[in-house]
């Protein structure tokens, strides 16, 4: 009798141990292959549980125990989003993360030349389809909402790093960009903008030219001052970057490299050609750095009306208040171009 009781107790203990071990293995023991860095999992809309398992397979020690845990927790319909798995996670933690751990990603864009370029860059980082995003941005509803023309739309988007959900919708993305734009134009910037008697879009449009003229942040306020002086006097801006942009639009090739603008290029018939048209172009020729926007808002006060590349000081320019002085500076630059055989 006592032997029977002992065997029964051993049987119960062993059974309990097996059950406990099984529960620990299925739910709590680590089930990740990686041991150092966290791993990101991007789950598109409409992903089935079978597909999710295939996506997780490179990261899991056992998809069998994961399936058992998922079945027990009735996790059979994956959620869309970006989820982060940490080392030593058990299946319960993994499933909890996949259920409610949609984690934001950092979305970065800068110096895109068109809305199509912007949409393509964003689509590389989010679940968004680039064509759908273009349609959303260029929709009459959104353009009316932000009160911008199609040519001005790029001025709404400011180059930066933004934290947002990977599965954000096109409408939500546009709304977010509108809010970020309003935050950027704080009281201080708005006050300076109004003193210039320019709209937000006009400031961005001029900043885009400044951005392309000078890569030196410390020189940009001086360049901005030149263009503001010319605008106030009713002079044509005669900005080479606008001609290059017009050439790219005409060729439908925004990868076109133009190192030297020729006299024949200045005749191109385009509203973006500031050698032929007075005032600002219809919209930005690129998405300017924030430093270029602030350079316009804090432009240097001076009498300069001209500038040309300074061959002796790479990246910087020679400035002039008179045309005769400018011609003298320009000869130095042209001589350098010819000596270095930069013909195009």
Protein backbone atom coordinates (compact mmCIF):
# COMPACT_ATOMS: atom_id res chain seq x y z
CA UNK A 1 0.00 0.00 0.00
CA UNK A 2 2.75 2.39 0.97
CA UNK A 3 4.67 1.53 -2.21
CA UNK A 4 1.58 2.31 -4.27
CA UNK A 5 1.20 5.68 -2.59
CA UNK A 6 4.85 6.49 -3.15
CA UNK A 7 4.61 5.53 -6.83
CA UNK A 8 1.49 7.65 -7.15
CA UNK A 9 3.18 10.62 -5.53
CA UNK A 10 6.20 10.20 -7.80
CA UNK A 11 3.89 9.97 -10.78
CA UNK A 12 2.08 13.16 -9.74
CA UNK A 13 5.33 14.97 -9.10
CA UNK A 14 6.79 13.88 -12.41
CA UNK A 15 3.58 14.78 -14.22
CA UNK A 16 3.45 18.14 -12.51
CA UNK A 17 7.09 18.71 -13.36
CA UNK A 18 6.47 17.84 -17.00
CA UNK A 19 3.49 20.16 -17.14
CA UNK A 20 5.41 22.94 -15.41
CA UNK A 21 8.39 22.48 -17.73
CA UNK A 22 6.10 22.49 -20.75
CA UNK A 23 4.38 25.68 -19.60
CA UNK A 24 7.72 27.35 -18.93
CA UNK A 25 9.08 26.24 -22.30
CA UNK A 26 6.02 27.33 -24.29
CA UNK A 27 5.43 30.65 -22.54
CA UNK A 28 8.39 31.87 -20.49
CA UNK A 29 11.75 30.38 -21.47
CA UNK A 30 13.74 32.57 -23.92
CA UNK A 31 12.81 31.80 -27.51
CA UNK A 32 14.97 34.29 -29.41
CA UNK A 33 18.08 33.37 -31.38
CA UNK A 34 19.74 36.76 -31.02
CA UNK A 35 21.50 37.70 -27.80
CA UNK A 36 22.85 41.21 -28.28
CA UNK A 37 20.77 43.70 -30.26
CA UNK A 38 17.02 44.04 -30.52
CA UNK A 39 15.37 43.03 -33.78
CA UNK A 40 12.72 44.92 -35.72
CA UNK A 41 9.78 43.14 -37.30
CA UNK A 42 7.62 45.01 -39.84
CA UNK A 43 4.18 43.49 -40.28
CA UNK A 44 2.28 44.78 -43.34
CA UNK A 45 -1.51 45.06 -43.44
CA UNK A 46 -3.24 41.77 -44.22
CA UNK A 47 -0.42 39.54 -42.97
CA UNK A 48 -1.65 36.06 -42.07
CA UNK A 49 -0.46 34.15 -39.03
CA UNK A 50 1.37 31.68 -41.28
CA UNK A 51 3.22 34.52 -43.00
CA UNK A 52 4.03 36.09 -39.63
CA UNK A 53 5.62 32.81 -38.53
CA UNK A 54 7.78 32.82 -41.65
CA UNK A 55 8.84 36.39 -40.89
CA UNK A 56 9.72 35.47 -37.30
CA UNK A 57 11.50 32.23 -38.11
CA UNK A 58 14.99 33.81 -38.48
CA UNK A 59 14.61 35.31 -35.00
CA UNK A 60 13.09 32.38 -33.08
CA UNK A 61 14.62 29.22 -31.68
CA UNK A 62 11.33 27.38 -32.06
CA UNK A 63 8.33 28.35 -34.17
CA UNK A 64 6.54 25.28 -32.75
CA UNK A 65 6.46 26.58 -29.18
CA UNK A 66 5.55 30.03 -30.55
CA UNK A 67 2.58 28.49 -32.39
CA UNK A 68 1.46 26.64 -29.25
CA UNK A 69 1.66 29.82 -27.16
CA UNK A 70 -0.16 31.83 -29.84
CA UNK A 71 -2.95 29.26 -29.99
CA UNK A 72 -3.30 29.24 -26.21
CA UNK A 73 -3.44 33.05 -26.15
CA UNK A 74 -5.79 33.16 -29.17
CA UNK A 75 -3.33 35.22 -31.15
CA UNK A 76 -4.23 34.33 -34.72
CA UNK A 77 -4.71 37.73 -36.40
CA UNK A 78 -1.45 39.74 -36.53
CA UNK A 79 -1.59 43.49 -36.15
CA UNK A 80 0.02 45.86 -38.61
CA UNK A 81 3.03 47.85 -37.51
CA UNK A 82 6.67 47.92 -36.45
CA UNK A 83 7.44 45.69 -33.49
CA UNK A 84 10.68 45.32 -31.54
CA UNK A 85 11.82 41.96 -30.14
CA UNK A 86 14.40 42.01 -27.37
CA UNK A 87 16.95 39.34 -26.50
CA UNK A 88 15.79 36.53 -24.15
CA UNK A 89 12.10 37.20 -24.74
CA UNK A 90 9.79 34.27 -24.10
CA UNK A 91 6.82 33.54 -26.33
CA UNK A 92 4.40 35.31 -24.00
CA UNK A 93 6.47 38.49 -24.14
CA UNK A 94 6.84 38.16 -27.91
CA UNK A 95 3.08 37.78 -28.40
CA UNK A 96 2.37 40.69 -26.05
CA UNK A 97 4.80 42.83 -28.05
CA UNK A 98 3.15 41.82 -31.33
CA UNK A 99 -0.27 42.60 -29.91
CA UNK A 100 0.29 46.01 -28.43
CA UNK A 101 3.90 47.08 -29.00
CA UNK A 102 3.64 49.04 -32.26
CA UNK A 103 6.82 51.08 -31.99
CA UNK A 104 7.45 54.40 -33.82
CA UNK A 105 10.29 54.68 -36.35
CA UNK A 106 12.47 57.63 -37.26
CA UNK A 107 11.56 59.05 -40.67
CA UNK A 108 14.25 61.23 -42.22
CA UNK A 109 14.16 63.30 -45.41
CA UNK A 110 16.12 66.27 -46.69
CA UNK A 111 16.74 68.29 -49.84
CA UNK A 112 14.20 66.47 -51.99
CA UNK A 113 13.63 68.36 -55.24
CA UNK A 114 10.01 67.43 -55.94
CA UNK A 115 6.96 65.96 -54.23
CA UNK A 116 7.64 62.72 -56.12
CA UNK A 117 11.15 62.56 -54.66
CA UNK A 118 9.76 63.23 -51.19
CA UNK A 119 7.11 60.53 -51.53
CA UNK A 120 9.69 58.04 -52.74
CA UNK A 121 12.00 58.78 -49.82
CA UNK A 122 9.18 58.49 -47.29
CA UNK A 123 7.87 55.26 -48.83
CA UNK A 124 11.32 53.72 -48.30
CA UNK A 125 10.84 54.16 -44.55
CA UNK A 126 7.11 53.63 -44.04
CA UNK A 127 4.43 51.23 -45.25
CA UNK A 128 3.02 54.01 -47.42
CA UNK A 129 2.78 53.64 -51.18
CA UNK A 130 4.58 56.54 -52.88
CA UNK A 131 1.94 57.04 -55.59
CA UNK A 132 -0.85 57.12 -52.98
CA UNK A 133 1.11 59.69 -50.99
CA UNK A 134 1.62 61.86 -54.07
CA UNK A 135 -2.11 61.75 -54.78
CA UNK A 136 -2.91 62.69 -51.18
CA UNK A 137 -0.49 65.63 -51.14
CA UNK A 138 -1.66 66.94 -54.51
CA UNK A 139 -5.36 66.43 -53.81
CA UNK A 140 -7.50 69.55 -54.08
CA UNK A 141 -8.68 68.91 -50.52
CA UNK A 142 -5.17 69.04 -49.07
CA UNK A 143 -4.02 71.96 -51.22
CA UNK A 144 -7.06 73.95 -50.10
CA UNK A 145 -6.41 72.97 -46.50
CA UNK A 146 -2.84 74.27 -46.51
CA UNK A 147 -3.64 77.09 -48.98
CA UNK A 148 -0.77 76.27 -51.32
CA UNK A 149 -0.52 75.86 -55.08
CA UNK A 150 0.86 72.66 -56.54
CA UNK A 151 4.20 74.40 -57.19
CA UNK A 152 4.36 75.59 -53.57
CA UNK A 153 3.51 72.26 -51.91
CA UNK A 154 7.13 71.30 -51.28
CA UNK A 155 7.46 74.34 -48.99
CA UNK A 156 5.22 72.61 -46.42
CA UNK A 157 7.73 69.84 -45.76
CA UNK A 158 10.73 70.67 -43.60
CA UNK A 159 13.82 68.42 -43.67
CA UNK A 160 14.22 66.75 -40.33
CA UNK A 161 13.89 63.47 -38.45
CA UNK A 162 10.34 62.66 -37.40
CA UNK A 163 9.11 59.91 -35.08
CA UNK A 164 5.97 58.29 -36.44
CA UNK A 165 4.29 54.91 -36.73
CA UNK A 166 5.43 52.75 -39.63
CA UNK A 167 1.83 52.01 -40.65
CA UNK A 168 0.69 55.65 -40.61
CA UNK A 169 -1.84 56.47 -43.36
CA UNK A 170 -1.19 58.98 -46.14
CA UNK A 171 -3.77 61.36 -44.67
CA UNK A 172 -2.22 61.08 -41.20
CA UNK A 173 1.24 61.72 -42.64
CA UNK A 174 0.05 64.90 -44.37
CA UNK A 175 -1.73 66.11 -41.24
CA UNK A 176 1.43 65.48 -39.22
CA UNK A 177 3.51 67.50 -41.66
CA UNK A 178 1.03 70.36 -41.48
CA UNK A 179 1.29 70.38 -37.67
CA UNK A 180 5.09 70.26 -37.81
CA UNK A 181 5.09 73.18 -40.22
CA UNK A 182 2.90 75.24 -37.90
CA UNK A 183 5.21 74.41 -34.98
CA UNK A 184 8.24 75.46 -37.01
CA UNK A 185 6.71 78.84 -37.75
CA UNK A 186 6.80 79.96 -34.13
CA UNK A 187 6.22 83.51 -32.95
CA UNK A 188 9.84 84.51 -33.50
CA UNK A 189 10.02 83.24 -37.08
CA UNK A 190 6.58 84.60 -37.90
CA UNK A 191 7.61 88.05 -36.67
CA UNK A 192 10.70 88.04 -38.90
CA UNK A 193 8.72 86.70 -41.86
CA UNK A 194 6.18 89.50 -41.57
CA UNK A 195 8.96 92.10 -41.46
CA UNK A 196 10.14 90.75 -44.80
CA UNK A 197 6.58 91.04 -46.12
CA UNK A 198 6.79 87.50 -47.49
CA UNK A 199 4.56 84.45 -47.16
CA UNK A 200 5.88 81.25 -45.62
CA UNK A 201 6.08 79.68 -49.05
CA UNK A 202 8.01 82.66 -50.42
CA UNK A 203 10.53 82.44 -47.59
CA UNK A 204 11.03 78.73 -48.29
CA UNK A 205 11.31 79.39 -52.04
CA UNK A 206 14.06 81.95 -51.49
CA UNK A 207 15.72 79.71 -48.89
CA UNK A 208 15.85 76.91 -51.48
CA UNK A 209 17.86 79.15 -53.80
CA UNK A 210 20.17 80.20 -50.96
CA UNK A 211 20.56 76.53 -50.03
CA UNK A 212 21.73 75.63 -53.53
CA UNK A 213 23.97 78.67 -53.93
CA UNK A 214 26.01 78.09 -50.78
CA UNK A 215 26.80 74.97 -48.80
CA UNK A 216 28.47 77.09 -46.14
CA UNK A 217 26.01 77.73 -43.32
CA UNK A 218 27.92 80.80 -42.11
CA UNK A 219 27.73 82.41 -45.58
CA UNK A 220 24.04 81.80 -46.23
CA UNK A 221 22.76 84.95 -44.41
CA UNK A 222 25.01 87.05 -46.68
CA UNK A 223 23.75 85.29 -49.82
CA UNK A 224 20.17 85.76 -48.61
CA UNK A 225 20.90 89.46 -48.14
CA UNK A 226 21.98 89.76 -51.78
CA UNK A 227 18.74 88.27 -53.08
CA UNK A 228 16.60 90.36 -50.74
CA UNK A 229 18.43 93.48 -51.97
CA UNK A 230 17.70 92.52 -55.57
CA UNK A 231 14.04 91.81 -54.83
CA UNK A 232 13.62 95.19 -53.13
CA UNK A 233 15.11 96.96 -56.12
CA UNK A 234 12.98 95.04 -58.60
CA UNK A 235 16.03 93.38 -60.13
CA UNK A 236 15.94 89.87 -61.54
CA UNK A 237 17.42 87.36 -59.13
CA UNK A 238 19.57 85.79 -61.87
CA UNK A 239 20.21 82.74 -59.73
CA UNK A 240 22.04 79.92 -61.52
CA UNK A 241 20.39 77.17 -59.42
CA UNK A 242 16.99 78.15 -60.81
CA UNK A 243 18.32 77.71 -64.34
CA UNK A 244 19.73 74.28 -63.44
CA UNK A 245 16.36 73.32 -61.96
CA UNK A 246 14.59 74.50 -65.12
CA UNK A 247 16.99 72.39 -67.19
CA UNK A 248 16.25 69.34 -65.04
CA UNK A 249 12.50 69.85 -65.39
CA UNK A 250 12.78 70.24 -69.15
CA UNK A 251 14.90 67.08 -69.44
CA UNK A 252 12.74 65.28 -66.85
CA UNK A 253 16.03 64.20 -65.29
CA UNK A 254 16.60 65.41 -61.75
CA UNK A 255 19.89 63.51 -61.57
CA UNK A 256 21.31 65.77 -64.27
CA UNK A 257 24.65 67.23 -63.16
CA UNK A 258 25.45 70.77 -64.34
CA UNK A 259 28.75 72.16 -63.07
CA UNK A 260 28.77 75.19 -65.34
CA UNK A 261 25.81 77.21 -66.54
CA UNK A 262 26.33 78.48 -70.09
CA UNK A 263 24.91 81.61 -71.70
CA UNK A 264 22.61 79.50 -73.87
CA UNK A 265 21.14 77.93 -70.73
CA UNK A 266 20.01 81.35 -69.51
CA UNK A 267 17.53 81.49 -72.40
CA UNK A 268 15.55 78.43 -71.32
CA UNK A 269 11.84 79.22 -71.34
CA UNK A 270 10.65 78.33 -67.85
CA UNK A 271 8.89 80.16 -65.01
CA UNK A 272 11.76 78.92 -62.83
CA UNK A 273 14.39 80.75 -64.89
CA UNK A 274 15.13 83.86 -62.83
CA UNK A 275 17.30 85.27 -65.62
CA UNK A 276 14.14 85.70 -67.71
CA UNK A 277 11.53 86.32 -65.01
CA UNK A 278 11.43 88.88 -62.22
CA UNK A 279 10.70 87.94 -58.65
CA UNK A 280 10.71 84.50 -57.08
CA UNK A 281 10.05 81.28 -59.03
CA UNK A 282 6.60 79.64 -58.58
CA UNK A 283 7.86 77.43 -55.76
CA UNK A 284 10.94 75.89 -54.15
CA UNK A 285 13.58 74.31 -56.38
CA UNK A 286 14.48 71.98 -53.52
CA UNK A 287 13.62 71.33 -49.89
CA UNK A 288 16.01 73.75 -48.13
CA UNK A 289 17.87 73.05 -44.92
CA UNK A 290 16.43 74.78 -41.87
CA UNK A 291 19.67 76.78 -41.69
CA UNK A 292 18.82 78.25 -45.11
CA UNK A 293 15.32 79.20 -43.97
CA UNK A 294 16.75 80.90 -40.91
CA UNK A 295 19.37 82.57 -43.12
CA UNK A 296 16.58 84.31 -45.03
CA UNK A 297 14.77 85.30 -41.84
CA UNK A 298 18.05 86.59 -40.37
CA UNK A 299 19.61 87.86 -43.58
CA UNK A 300 22.74 89.99 -43.33
CA UNK A 301 22.19 93.70 -43.93
CA UNK A 302 24.63 94.99 -46.58
CA UNK A 303 24.80 96.66 -50.01
CA UNK A 304 25.90 93.64 -52.04
CA UNK A 305 23.98 92.91 -55.24
CA UNK A 306 26.26 90.33 -56.88
CA UNK A 307 28.38 87.33 -55.99
CA UNK A 308 30.40 84.65 -57.73
CA UNK A 309 32.34 81.58 -56.61
CA UNK A 310 35.68 82.33 -54.94
CA UNK A 311 38.19 79.86 -56.45
CA UNK A 312 40.73 80.60 -53.71
CA UNK A 313 38.29 79.86 -50.92
CA UNK A 314 36.38 76.69 -51.85
CA UNK A 315 32.71 76.76 -50.94
CA UNK A 316 32.62 80.52 -50.48
CA UNK A 317 31.89 83.47 -52.79
CA UNK A 318 33.20 86.89 -53.78
CA UNK A 319 30.60 89.63 -53.19
CA UNK A 320 30.24 92.96 -54.95
CA UNK A 321 28.09 96.08 -54.65
CA UNK A 322 28.70 97.30 -58.19
CA UNK A 323 28.48 95.56 -61.54
CA UNK A 324 32.00 96.59 -62.53
CA UNK A 325 33.39 95.02 -59.35
CA UNK A 326 31.31 91.92 -60.04
CA UNK A 327 32.72 91.63 -63.58
CA UNK A 328 36.21 91.77 -62.14
CA UNK A 329 35.36 88.98 -59.67
CA UNK A 330 33.71 86.97 -62.41
CA UNK A 331 36.83 87.05 -64.58
CA UNK A 332 38.72 85.36 -61.77
CA UNK A 333 36.07 82.64 -61.60
CA UNK A 334 35.83 82.09 -65.37
CA UNK A 335 39.62 81.85 -65.62
CA UNK A 336 39.56 79.16 -62.93
CA UNK A 337 36.81 77.25 -64.77
CA UNK A 338 38.79 77.30 -68.00
CA UNK A 339 42.06 76.32 -66.32
CA UNK A 340 40.31 73.33 -64.75
CA UNK A 341 38.51 72.51 -68.02
CA UNK A 342 35.07 72.67 -66.47
CA UNK A 343 33.01 73.19 -69.59
CA UNK A 344 29.68 71.76 -68.43
